[in-house]
Amino acid sequence: MSRLTVFYSRAGENYFAGEYRYINVGNTEKAAKMIAEAAGSDVFKIEQKVSYSADYLHCVDQARDDLRKKARPELVTLPKNLNKYDEIYLGYPIYFRNMPMAVYTFLESFNWEGKIIHPFCTHEGSGLSSTEKETKRFCKGAKVTEGLEILGSCVDASKSIIENWLNKKPKYNKTILLINGGLFL
C-alpha cells in the first residue's frame, strides 16, 4: 500500500494557549512530518499562491474572509494525480471550526474513489470540529477514518500520540493538554 501525507500549515505568528509566538515551522507541518516518518509515506505540502499574512491577527481576518466567501485559493502546485496512493493522511490547522479553504481547493481537485483518508488537525481548543464530516462530503467514494486532533501548542510532545493513532491503539484520539506547564493525556 502506498501512502501520502498531505498537509496545509502556516508558520509566522501563531496563537499558543493564550499568547502569540512566532514560529518558523507550522504546527501541522511538524505533526505531518512525524506522521510521514512513522507511516513511511511520501509528503505533499498544500501551499497557496497568495499566502496569508505572517501577522496572526491579519491572517485571521484573511482566513475569515475566505471562509465567508467559500473561496478556493489558487495553489502553488498540485500532484499530477493521486493514483499510486491508497492511503492519504490529510492534515490541517482548524480555522473557525473548519479546514482552511486551500484544503478544499486540494480536495476538489481529485477523484477520491477507493482511497482511505486519515484526517488529522492541530488546534487550540476546537478539536476536529466537523472536519471529518466535511472530508467525507468532499471526498466521495473514500473511506474516512477517525481523525486525530493535536493541541498545536503541544505538537512537539505528540510523537507517542501519533504513533498510537497510526497503530490504532486504544485512546489514540486524545488531545494533549498543557495545563499550568504540565502535560496531560
N, C-alpha and C. Protein backbone atom coordinates (compact mmCIF):
# COMPACT_ATOMS: atom_id res chain seq x y z
N MET A 1 0.82 -1.17 0.00
CA MET A 1 0.00 0.00 0.00
C MET A 1 0.88 1.25 0.00
N SER A 2 0.61 2.16 -0.88
CA SER A 2 1.38 3.39 -0.98
C SER A 2 0.65 4.50 -0.23
N ARG A 3 1.40 5.30 0.52
CA ARG A 3 0.81 6.33 1.38
C ARG A 3 1.36 7.71 1.05
N LEU A 4 0.51 8.70 1.30
CA LEU A 4 0.89 10.10 1.11
C LEU A 4 0.38 10.91 2.30
N THR A 5 1.25 11.73 2.86
CA THR A 5 0.84 12.68 3.88
C THR A 5 0.72 14.04 3.21
N VAL A 6 -0.48 14.58 3.19
CA VAL A 6 -0.79 15.88 2.60
C VAL A 6 -1.15 16.81 3.74
N PHE A 7 -0.60 18.02 3.72
CA PHE A 7 -0.92 18.94 4.81
C PHE A 7 -0.88 20.38 4.38
N TYR A 8 -1.64 21.18 5.10
CA TYR A 8 -1.60 22.64 5.00
C TYR A 8 -1.10 23.13 6.35
N SER A 9 -0.16 24.05 6.34
CA SER A 9 0.38 24.55 7.60
C SER A 9 0.84 25.98 7.39
N ARG A 10 0.89 26.72 8.47
CA ARG A 10 1.30 28.12 8.40
C ARG A 10 2.29 28.45 9.50
N ALA A 11 3.42 28.98 9.10
CA ALA A 11 4.41 29.48 10.04
C ALA A 11 4.09 30.95 10.32
N GLY A 12 5.00 31.65 10.96
CA GLY A 12 4.76 33.05 11.29
C GLY A 12 4.24 33.17 12.71
N GLU A 13 3.55 34.26 12.97
CA GLU A 13 2.99 34.46 14.31
C GLU A 13 1.78 33.54 14.48
N ASN A 14 1.75 32.79 15.57
CA ASN A 14 0.67 31.84 15.85
C ASN A 14 0.19 32.03 17.28
N TYR A 15 -0.98 31.48 17.52
CA TYR A 15 -1.60 31.55 18.85
C TYR A 15 -1.30 30.28 19.61
N PHE A 16 -0.77 30.41 20.83
CA PHE A 16 -0.42 29.28 21.68
C PHE A 16 -1.00 29.51 23.06
N ALA A 17 -2.03 28.78 23.41
CA ALA A 17 -2.57 28.78 24.77
C ALA A 17 -2.64 30.18 25.39
N GLY A 18 -3.23 31.11 24.66
CA GLY A 18 -3.44 32.43 25.21
C GLY A 18 -2.41 33.49 24.87
N GLU A 19 -1.38 33.13 24.11
CA GLU A 19 -0.38 34.13 23.74
C GLU A 19 0.05 33.93 22.28
N TYR A 20 0.67 34.95 21.73
CA TYR A 20 1.17 34.89 20.36
C TYR A 20 2.66 34.64 20.38
N ARG A 21 3.10 33.72 19.50
CA ARG A 21 4.54 33.43 19.35
C ARG A 21 4.83 33.26 17.86
N TYR A 22 6.04 33.63 17.50
CA TYR A 22 6.49 33.46 16.11
C TYR A 22 7.15 32.08 15.98
N ILE A 23 6.76 31.34 14.96
CA ILE A 23 7.35 30.02 14.69
C ILE A 23 7.82 29.95 13.25
N ASN A 24 8.92 29.25 13.03
CA ASN A 24 9.47 29.10 11.67
C ASN A 24 8.84 27.94 10.92
N VAL A 25 8.33 26.94 11.65
CA VAL A 25 7.67 25.78 11.04
C VAL A 25 6.30 25.66 11.71
N GLY A 26 5.26 25.56 10.90
CA GLY A 26 3.91 25.47 11.43
C GLY A 26 3.67 24.18 12.20
N ASN A 27 2.71 24.22 13.13
CA ASN A 27 2.40 23.07 13.96
C ASN A 27 1.92 21.87 13.14
N THR A 28 1.08 22.11 12.17
CA THR A 28 0.58 21.00 11.35
C THR A 28 1.71 20.38 10.54
N GLU A 29 2.64 21.19 10.07
CA GLU A 29 3.79 20.65 9.35
C GLU A 29 4.63 19.76 10.26
N LYS A 30 4.82 20.17 11.50
CA LYS A 30 5.57 19.33 12.44
C LYS A 30 4.88 17.98 12.62
N ALA A 31 3.56 18.00 12.84
CA ALA A 31 2.81 16.75 13.01
C ALA A 31 2.87 15.92 11.74
N ALA A 32 2.74 16.56 10.58
CA ALA A 32 2.77 15.84 9.30
C ALA A 32 4.10 15.12 9.10
N LYS A 33 5.18 15.77 9.46
CA LYS A 33 6.49 15.14 9.31
C LYS A 33 6.64 13.94 10.23
N MET A 34 6.09 14.03 11.45
CA MET A 34 6.11 12.87 12.36
C MET A 34 5.28 11.72 11.78
N ILE A 35 4.13 12.05 11.23
CA ILE A 35 3.26 11.03 10.64
C ILE A 35 3.94 10.39 9.44
N ALA A 36 4.48 11.21 8.56
CA ALA A 36 5.14 10.69 7.35
C ALA A 36 6.29 9.76 7.71
N GLU A 37 7.08 10.15 8.70
CA GLU A 37 8.21 9.31 9.11
C GLU A 37 7.72 7.98 9.67
N ALA A 38 6.74 8.03 10.56
CA ALA A 38 6.24 6.81 11.20
C ALA A 38 5.47 5.92 10.23
N ALA A 39 4.76 6.53 9.26
CA ALA A 39 3.95 5.76 8.31
C ALA A 39 4.73 5.37 7.06
N GLY A 40 5.91 5.94 6.88
CA GLY A 40 6.69 5.66 5.68
C GLY A 40 6.01 6.20 4.43
N SER A 41 5.47 7.41 4.54
CA SER A 41 4.73 7.97 3.41
C SER A 41 5.50 9.06 2.68
N ASP A 42 5.06 9.32 1.47
CA ASP A 42 5.52 10.49 0.75
C ASP A 42 4.84 11.70 1.39
N VAL A 43 5.31 12.91 1.04
CA VAL A 43 4.78 14.12 1.65
C VAL A 43 4.46 15.15 0.57
N PHE A 44 3.34 15.84 0.75
CA PHE A 44 2.98 16.96 -0.12
C PHE A 44 2.43 18.09 0.74
N LYS A 45 2.98 19.29 0.58
CA LYS A 45 2.51 20.46 1.32
C LYS A 45 1.59 21.29 0.43
N ILE A 46 0.39 21.55 0.91
CA ILE A 46 -0.57 22.42 0.22
C ILE A 46 -0.15 23.87 0.50
N GLU A 47 0.15 24.60 -0.58
CA GLU A 47 0.57 25.99 -0.42
C GLU A 47 -0.25 26.90 -1.32
N GLN A 48 -0.74 27.99 -0.75
CA GLN A 48 -1.49 28.98 -1.53
C GLN A 48 -0.54 29.83 -2.35
N LYS A 49 -0.96 30.22 -3.55
CA LYS A 49 -0.15 31.15 -4.35
C LYS A 49 -0.02 32.48 -3.63
N VAL A 50 -1.10 32.94 -3.04
CA VAL A 50 -1.06 34.17 -2.25
C VAL A 50 -1.20 33.74 -0.79
N SER A 51 -0.08 33.74 -0.09
CA SER A 51 -0.05 33.28 1.30
C SER A 51 -0.77 34.25 2.22
N TYR A 52 -1.27 33.69 3.31
CA TYR A 52 -1.81 34.55 4.36
C TYR A 52 -0.66 35.29 5.03
N SER A 53 -0.99 36.38 5.68
CA SER A 53 -0.03 37.21 6.37
C SER A 53 0.70 36.44 7.47
N ALA A 54 1.94 36.81 7.74
CA ALA A 54 2.69 36.24 8.87
C ALA A 54 2.17 36.81 10.19
N ASP A 55 1.49 37.96 10.15
CA ASP A 55 0.88 38.56 11.32
C ASP A 55 -0.41 37.78 11.66
N TYR A 56 -0.49 37.28 12.88
CA TYR A 56 -1.59 36.40 13.25
C TYR A 56 -2.97 37.05 13.06
N LEU A 57 -3.17 38.23 13.59
CA LEU A 57 -4.49 38.86 13.52
C LEU A 57 -4.89 39.20 12.09
N HIS A 58 -3.93 39.61 11.27
CA HIS A 58 -4.23 39.86 9.86
C HIS A 58 -4.58 38.54 9.15
N CYS A 59 -3.85 37.49 9.46
CA CYS A 59 -4.14 36.16 8.91
C CYS A 59 -5.56 35.72 9.28
N VAL A 60 -5.95 35.95 10.52
CA VAL A 60 -7.30 35.60 10.97
C VAL A 60 -8.34 36.31 10.11
N ASP A 61 -8.13 37.59 9.86
CA ASP A 61 -9.07 38.34 9.01
C ASP A 61 -9.12 37.76 7.60
N GLN A 62 -7.96 37.43 7.04
CA GLN A 62 -7.91 36.87 5.68
C GLN A 62 -8.63 35.51 5.62
N ALA A 63 -8.35 34.66 6.60
CA ALA A 63 -8.96 33.33 6.62
C ALA A 63 -10.46 33.42 6.83
N ARG A 64 -10.92 34.34 7.69
CA ARG A 64 -12.35 34.54 7.92
C ARG A 64 -13.02 35.01 6.63
N ASP A 65 -12.38 35.93 5.93
CA ASP A 65 -12.94 36.44 4.68
C ASP A 65 -13.05 35.32 3.65
N ASP A 66 -12.01 34.48 3.53
CA ASP A 66 -12.06 33.35 2.60
C ASP A 66 -13.17 32.38 2.96
N LEU A 67 -13.36 32.13 4.25
CA LEU A 67 -14.42 31.23 4.70
C LEU A 67 -15.79 31.79 4.35
N ARG A 68 -16.01 33.05 4.63
CA ARG A 68 -17.30 33.69 4.30
C ARG A 68 -17.61 33.59 2.81
N LYS A 69 -16.58 33.77 2.00
CA LYS A 69 -16.76 33.73 0.54
C LYS A 69 -16.77 32.31 -0.02
N LYS A 70 -16.45 31.32 0.87
CA LYS A 70 -16.25 29.94 0.41
C LYS A 70 -15.22 29.92 -0.73
N ALA A 71 -14.18 30.71 -0.55
CA ALA A 71 -13.12 30.87 -1.55
C ALA A 71 -12.38 29.55 -1.76
N ARG A 72 -11.82 29.43 -2.92
CA ARG A 72 -10.94 28.31 -3.23
C ARG A 72 -9.62 28.92 -3.71
N PRO A 73 -8.73 29.24 -2.76
CA PRO A 73 -7.46 29.89 -3.13
C PRO A 73 -6.67 29.04 -4.12
N GLU A 74 -6.05 29.72 -5.05
CA GLU A 74 -5.20 29.03 -6.03
C GLU A 74 -3.97 28.50 -5.31
N LEU A 75 -3.57 27.29 -5.69
CA LEU A 75 -2.43 26.65 -5.05
C LEU A 75 -1.18 26.79 -5.91
N VAL A 76 -0.03 26.74 -5.27
CA VAL A 76 1.26 26.83 -5.97
C VAL A 76 1.38 25.68 -6.95
N THR A 77 1.04 24.48 -6.50
CA THR A 77 1.11 23.30 -7.36
C THR A 77 0.22 22.22 -6.78
N LEU A 78 -0.06 21.24 -7.60
CA LEU A 78 -0.81 20.05 -7.20
C LEU A 78 -0.07 18.83 -7.73
N PRO A 79 -0.19 17.69 -7.05
CA PRO A 79 0.35 16.47 -7.67
C PRO A 79 -0.40 16.22 -8.98
N LYS A 80 0.27 15.61 -9.94
CA LYS A 80 -0.39 15.32 -11.22
C LYS A 80 -1.64 14.48 -10.98
N ASN A 81 -1.52 13.48 -10.13
CA ASN A 81 -2.66 12.66 -9.71
C ASN A 81 -2.28 11.95 -8.42
N LEU A 82 -3.25 11.25 -7.87
CA LEU A 82 -3.01 10.50 -6.63
C LEU A 82 -3.18 9.01 -6.86
N ASN A 83 -3.11 8.59 -8.11
CA ASN A 83 -3.40 7.20 -8.48
C ASN A 83 -2.55 6.18 -7.75
N LYS A 84 -1.30 6.49 -7.46
CA LYS A 84 -0.43 5.49 -6.84
C LYS A 84 -0.62 5.36 -5.33
N TYR A 85 -1.48 6.22 -4.75
CA TYR A 85 -1.66 6.21 -3.30
C TYR A 85 -2.98 5.57 -2.90
N ASP A 86 -2.90 4.65 -1.94
CA ASP A 86 -4.09 4.01 -1.39
C ASP A 86 -4.58 4.73 -0.14
N GLU A 87 -3.62 5.23 0.65
CA GLU A 87 -3.94 5.90 1.90
C GLU A 87 -3.39 7.31 1.89
N ILE A 88 -4.23 8.23 2.37
CA ILE A 88 -3.84 9.63 2.45
C ILE A 88 -4.01 10.09 3.89
N TYR A 89 -2.96 10.65 4.47
CA TYR A 89 -3.03 11.32 5.77
C TYR A 89 -3.21 12.80 5.46
N LEU A 90 -4.35 13.35 5.84
CA LEU A 90 -4.72 14.71 5.48
C LEU A 90 -4.68 15.61 6.70
N GLY A 91 -3.74 16.57 6.72
CA GLY A 91 -3.55 17.42 7.89
C GLY A 91 -3.81 18.89 7.63
N TYR A 92 -4.31 19.56 8.65
CA TYR A 92 -4.66 20.97 8.54
C TYR A 92 -4.83 21.56 9.94
N PRO A 93 -4.61 22.87 10.06
CA PRO A 93 -4.99 23.55 11.29
C PRO A 93 -6.49 23.83 11.24
N ILE A 94 -7.10 24.05 12.37
CA ILE A 94 -8.51 24.40 12.41
C ILE A 94 -8.63 25.92 12.38
N TYR A 95 -9.37 26.41 11.39
CA TYR A 95 -9.67 27.83 11.26
C TYR A 95 -11.17 27.99 11.38
N PHE A 96 -11.64 28.62 12.41
CA PHE A 96 -13.07 28.87 12.59
C PHE A 96 -13.88 27.58 12.51
N ARG A 97 -13.41 26.56 13.23
CA ARG A 97 -14.05 25.25 13.31
C ARG A 97 -14.15 24.57 11.94
N ASN A 98 -13.19 24.86 11.07
CA ASN A 98 -13.20 24.33 9.71
C ASN A 98 -11.76 24.15 9.22
N MET A 99 -11.64 23.52 8.06
CA MET A 99 -10.33 23.42 7.41
C MET A 99 -10.07 24.73 6.67
N PRO A 100 -8.82 25.10 6.48
CA PRO A 100 -8.53 26.26 5.63
C PRO A 100 -9.09 26.02 4.22
N MET A 101 -9.53 27.08 3.59
CA MET A 101 -10.16 26.96 2.26
C MET A 101 -9.21 26.36 1.22
N ALA A 102 -7.91 26.54 1.38
CA ALA A 102 -6.95 25.94 0.44
C ALA A 102 -7.02 24.41 0.48
N VAL A 103 -7.40 23.84 1.62
CA VAL A 103 -7.55 22.38 1.70
C VAL A 103 -8.72 21.94 0.83
N TYR A 104 -9.78 22.73 0.80
CA TYR A 104 -10.90 22.42 -0.09
C TYR A 104 -10.49 22.49 -1.56
N THR A 105 -9.65 23.47 -1.88
CA THR A 105 -9.13 23.54 -3.25
C THR A 105 -8.45 22.22 -3.60
N PHE A 106 -7.64 21.72 -2.70
CA PHE A 106 -6.94 20.46 -2.92
C PHE A 106 -7.94 19.31 -3.05
N LEU A 107 -8.87 19.20 -2.12
CA LEU A 107 -9.82 18.08 -2.13
C LEU A 107 -10.66 18.05 -3.40
N GLU A 108 -11.06 19.21 -3.87
CA GLU A 108 -11.90 19.27 -5.07
C GLU A 108 -11.14 18.99 -6.36
N SER A 109 -9.84 18.83 -6.28
CA SER A 109 -9.01 18.63 -7.46
C SER A 109 -8.82 17.16 -7.83
N PHE A 110 -9.33 16.23 -7.01
CA PHE A 110 -9.04 14.82 -7.23
C PHE A 110 -10.27 13.93 -7.08
N ASN A 111 -10.17 12.75 -7.70
CA ASN A 111 -11.15 11.69 -7.52
C ASN A 111 -10.69 10.87 -6.32
N TRP A 112 -11.55 10.69 -5.34
CA TRP A 112 -11.19 10.02 -4.10
C TRP A 112 -11.71 8.59 -4.02
N GLU A 113 -12.33 8.12 -5.06
CA GLU A 113 -12.91 6.77 -5.09
C GLU A 113 -11.87 5.72 -4.69
N GLY A 114 -12.21 4.92 -3.67
CA GLY A 114 -11.36 3.81 -3.24
C GLY A 114 -10.20 4.19 -2.33
N LYS A 115 -10.03 5.47 -2.03
CA LYS A 115 -8.93 5.90 -1.15
C LYS A 115 -9.35 5.77 0.31
N ILE A 116 -8.37 5.67 1.18
CA ILE A 116 -8.58 5.73 2.62
C ILE A 116 -7.95 7.03 3.08
N ILE A 117 -8.74 7.86 3.76
CA ILE A 117 -8.25 9.16 4.22
C ILE A 117 -8.24 9.17 5.74
N HIS A 118 -7.09 9.53 6.29
CA HIS A 118 -6.91 9.64 7.74
C HIS A 118 -6.73 11.12 8.07
N PRO A 119 -7.78 11.82 8.51
CA PRO A 119 -7.63 13.25 8.82
C PRO A 119 -6.92 13.48 10.15
N PHE A 120 -6.14 14.55 10.21
CA PHE A 120 -5.54 14.98 11.47
C PHE A 120 -5.47 16.50 11.47
N CYS A 121 -5.57 17.06 12.66
CA CYS A 121 -5.55 18.52 12.74
C CYS A 121 -4.75 18.98 13.95
N THR A 122 -4.34 20.24 13.88
CA THR A 122 -3.82 20.94 15.03
C THR A 122 -4.80 22.05 15.35
N HIS A 123 -4.93 22.36 16.63
CA HIS A 123 -5.93 23.34 17.07
C HIS A 123 -5.53 23.88 18.44
N GLU A 124 -6.25 24.85 18.90
CA GLU A 124 -6.02 25.39 20.25
C GLU A 124 -7.29 25.33 21.08
N GLY A 125 -8.13 24.35 20.82
CA GLY A 125 -9.31 24.17 21.66
C GLY A 125 -10.55 23.65 20.96
N SER A 126 -10.58 23.65 19.65
CA SER A 126 -11.80 23.25 18.95
C SER A 126 -11.79 21.81 18.46
N GLY A 127 -10.71 21.08 18.67
CA GLY A 127 -10.65 19.70 18.20
C GLY A 127 -10.82 19.62 16.69
N LEU A 128 -11.32 18.50 16.22
CA LEU A 128 -11.54 18.30 14.78
C LEU A 128 -12.76 19.04 14.26
N SER A 129 -13.59 19.57 15.18
CA SER A 129 -14.84 20.22 14.79
C SER A 129 -15.62 19.29 13.89
N SER A 130 -16.09 19.77 12.76
CA SER A 130 -16.85 18.91 11.83
C SER A 130 -16.03 18.51 10.61
N THR A 131 -14.71 18.59 10.72
CA THR A 131 -13.87 18.37 9.54
C THR A 131 -13.88 16.93 9.04
N GLU A 132 -14.15 15.96 9.92
CA GLU A 132 -14.26 14.57 9.43
C GLU A 132 -15.47 14.46 8.50
N LYS A 133 -16.59 15.05 8.90
CA LYS A 133 -17.80 15.04 8.06
C LYS A 133 -17.56 15.79 6.75
N GLU A 134 -16.89 16.93 6.85
CA GLU A 134 -16.58 17.71 5.65
C GLU A 134 -15.70 16.91 4.69
N THR A 135 -14.73 16.21 5.24
CA THR A 135 -13.86 15.39 4.39
C THR A 135 -14.68 14.32 3.67
N LYS A 136 -15.58 13.67 4.39
CA LYS A 136 -16.46 12.67 3.76
C LYS A 136 -17.30 13.30 2.66
N ARG A 137 -17.80 14.49 2.92
CA ARG A 137 -18.67 15.17 1.95
C ARG A 137 -17.92 15.55 0.68
N PHE A 138 -16.66 15.95 0.81
CA PHE A 138 -15.90 16.39 -0.36
C PHE A 138 -15.08 15.29 -1.01
N CYS A 139 -14.98 14.14 -0.38
CA CYS A 139 -14.17 13.04 -0.91
C CYS A 139 -15.07 11.83 -1.16
N LYS A 140 -16.01 12.00 -2.04
CA LYS A 140 -16.96 10.93 -2.36
C LYS A 140 -16.22 9.67 -2.78
N GLY A 141 -16.66 8.54 -2.23
CA GLY A 141 -16.08 7.26 -2.58
C GLY A 141 -14.89 6.86 -1.73
N ALA A 142 -14.45 7.75 -0.86
CA ALA A 142 -13.31 7.44 0.02
C ALA A 142 -13.83 6.94 1.36
N LYS A 143 -13.02 6.14 2.02
CA LYS A 143 -13.29 5.77 3.41
C LYS A 143 -12.51 6.77 4.26
N VAL A 144 -13.23 7.48 5.14
CA VAL A 144 -12.60 8.46 6.01
C VAL A 144 -12.59 7.87 7.42
N THR A 145 -11.40 7.70 7.96
CA THR A 145 -11.25 7.08 9.28
C THR A 145 -11.39 8.13 10.38
N GLU A 146 -11.42 7.65 11.62
CA GLU A 146 -11.49 8.55 12.76
C GLU A 146 -10.21 9.39 12.80
N GLY A 147 -10.38 10.68 12.93
CA GLY A 147 -9.25 11.59 12.87
C GLY A 147 -8.49 11.75 14.17
N LEU A 148 -7.37 12.41 14.06
CA LEU A 148 -6.50 12.71 15.21
C LEU A 148 -6.48 14.22 15.41
N GLU A 149 -6.69 14.64 16.64
CA GLU A 149 -6.60 16.06 16.98
C GLU A 149 -5.42 16.27 17.91
N ILE A 150 -4.63 17.28 17.61
CA ILE A 150 -3.44 17.57 18.40
C ILE A 150 -3.47 19.04 18.79
N LEU A 151 -3.34 19.32 20.06
CA LEU A 151 -3.26 20.70 20.51
C LEU A 151 -1.97 21.28 19.94
N GLY A 152 -2.09 22.32 19.14
CA GLY A 152 -0.93 22.88 18.46
C GLY A 152 0.21 23.26 19.37
N SER A 153 -0.12 23.82 20.53
CA SER A 153 0.93 24.24 21.46
C SER A 153 1.66 23.06 22.09
N CYS A 154 1.17 21.85 21.85
CA CYS A 154 1.82 20.64 22.39
C CYS A 154 2.31 19.70 21.29
N VAL A 155 2.34 20.17 20.07
CA VAL A 155 2.68 19.28 18.95
C VAL A 155 4.07 18.66 19.10
N ASP A 156 5.00 19.38 19.67
CA ASP A 156 6.35 18.85 19.81
C ASP A 156 6.40 17.62 20.72
N ALA A 157 5.41 17.45 21.58
CA ALA A 157 5.36 16.32 22.51
C ALA A 157 4.34 15.26 22.08
N SER A 158 3.94 15.27 20.82
CA SER A 158 2.85 14.40 20.38
C SER A 158 3.27 13.13 19.66
N LYS A 159 4.55 12.83 19.62
CA LYS A 159 5.03 11.67 18.86
C LYS A 159 4.35 10.36 19.29
N SER A 160 4.21 10.12 20.58
CA SER A 160 3.61 8.85 21.02
C SER A 160 2.12 8.81 20.70
N ILE A 161 1.43 9.95 20.79
CA ILE A 161 0.01 10.01 20.43
C ILE A 161 -0.15 9.69 18.94
N ILE A 162 0.72 10.25 18.12
CA ILE A 162 0.68 9.99 16.67
C ILE A 162 0.94 8.51 16.39
N GLU A 163 1.96 7.95 17.02
CA GLU A 163 2.26 6.53 16.79
C GLU A 163 1.12 5.63 17.23
N ASN A 164 0.49 5.94 18.37
CA ASN A 164 -0.67 5.17 18.81
C ASN A 164 -1.83 5.27 17.82
N TRP A 165 -2.05 6.47 17.31
CA TRP A 165 -3.11 6.67 16.31
C TRP A 165 -2.81 5.87 15.05
N LEU A 166 -1.59 5.92 14.58
CA LEU A 166 -1.22 5.18 13.38
C LEU A 166 -1.35 3.67 13.59
N ASN A 167 -1.07 3.21 14.78
CA ASN A 167 -1.17 1.79 15.10
C ASN A 167 -2.54 1.40 15.64
N LYS A 168 -3.46 2.37 15.64
CA LYS A 168 -4.84 2.15 16.08
C LYS A 168 -4.94 1.55 17.47
N LYS A 169 -4.09 2.04 18.35
CA LYS A 169 -4.12 1.60 19.75
C LYS A 169 -5.21 2.36 20.49
N PRO A 170 -5.73 1.78 21.56
CA PRO A 170 -6.77 2.47 22.34
C PRO A 170 -6.29 3.84 22.81
N LYS A 171 -7.23 4.73 22.90
CA LYS A 171 -7.00 6.10 23.39
C LYS A 171 -6.08 6.90 22.48
N TYR A 172 -5.99 6.54 21.20
CA TYR A 172 -5.11 7.29 20.31
C TYR A 172 -5.70 8.65 19.96
N ASN A 173 -7.00 8.83 20.10
CA ASN A 173 -7.62 10.07 19.67
C ASN A 173 -7.77 11.06 20.82
N LYS A 174 -6.84 11.07 21.71
CA LYS A 174 -6.88 12.00 22.82
C LYS A 174 -6.05 13.23 22.49
N THR A 175 -6.58 14.35 22.85
CA THR A 175 -5.87 15.61 22.67
C THR A 175 -4.87 15.77 23.80
N ILE A 176 -3.68 16.23 23.48
CA ILE A 176 -2.70 16.54 24.50
C ILE A 176 -3.07 17.89 25.08
N LEU A 177 -3.12 17.97 26.39
CA LEU A 177 -3.46 19.22 27.06
C LEU A 177 -2.25 19.73 27.84
N LEU A 178 -2.05 21.01 27.78
CA LEU A 178 -0.99 21.65 28.55
C LEU A 178 -1.67 22.56 29.56
N ILE A 179 -1.61 22.16 30.82
CA ILE A 179 -2.26 22.91 31.88
C ILE A 179 -1.22 23.28 32.92
N ASN A 180 -1.08 24.59 33.13
CA ASN A 180 -0.12 25.09 34.14
C ASN A 180 1.26 24.46 33.96
N GLY A 181 1.70 24.33 32.73
CA GLY A 181 3.03 23.82 32.45
C GLY A 181 3.12 22.30 32.50
N GLY A 182 2.03 21.59 32.82
CA GLY A 182 2.06 20.12 32.88
C GLY A 182 1.45 19.51 31.64
N LEU A 183 1.92 18.37 31.24
CA LEU A 183 1.44 17.69 30.05
C LEU A 183 0.47 16.59 30.48
N PHE A 184 -0.74 16.61 29.95
CA PHE A 184 -1.75 15.64 30.31
C PHE A 184 -2.32 15.00 29.05
N LEU A 185 -2.62 13.71 29.12
CA LEU A 185 -3.22 13.00 28.00
C LEU A 185 -4.65 12.63 28.35
